[in-house]
Amino acid sequence: MKPIEEKKLVVQAEGLSGEQAALFEQKQVIEETVDNLFNTFVLEKTEQVERIEERLEGLIANQMVKIQSLQNARPGILSLPSSRQNWSMNVNQAQARLNMLQDRLEDVREIREGMGMNAPKLHELAMRKLRDQEPELIKKFDEIQTAVRVHQLHEKQRQQQKQPSQSFGLKHSLSQSIN
């Protein structure tokens, strides 16, 4: 090889090394930013679920008090049929509202405690919010993750290619030493 070509190769290698270092730094910054935002959103979603849960529990308690007061205000035997019908309709409506609030509370608790496909439900909701609010950052993050996976795949393939040739060399040298 000529000295000029060698110098060009060295300069190219140094340039690529610098680019790789810059990409590595960028990868770390993006990953830290995504992690920080994700953790913030998980905390927000946790607090949101707790607020909703507390509010629903309060509404359920109030509804139970309302049902109890309706039960206590039951029309007497001598009341008009229309007032008994009104009372019955009010009790049924109050009971239906109580059932709806209890179902909602159960749904909220399921979100808090439940698991999604790959992670807790709250984490999935936080990631969805992060993707909605920071699409460019997530796009870069996804690109970096893809590049890392591709790099790992190439490294694995390189190692697999080395192993057969090394084992062939070992077998060949063993067979020669036996002969």
Foldseek 3Di string as FASTA:
>chain_A
DDPVVVVVVVVVVVVVVVVVVVVVVVLVVLVVVVVVQLVVQLVVLLVVLVVLLVVLVVVLVVLVVVLVVLVVVQDDPPDDPVVNVVSVVVNVVSVVVNVVSVVVSVVSVCLVPPADDDGRNSSVVSVVVCCVVPVPSVVVNVVVVVVVVVVVVVVVVVVVVVVVVVVVVVVVVVVVVVD
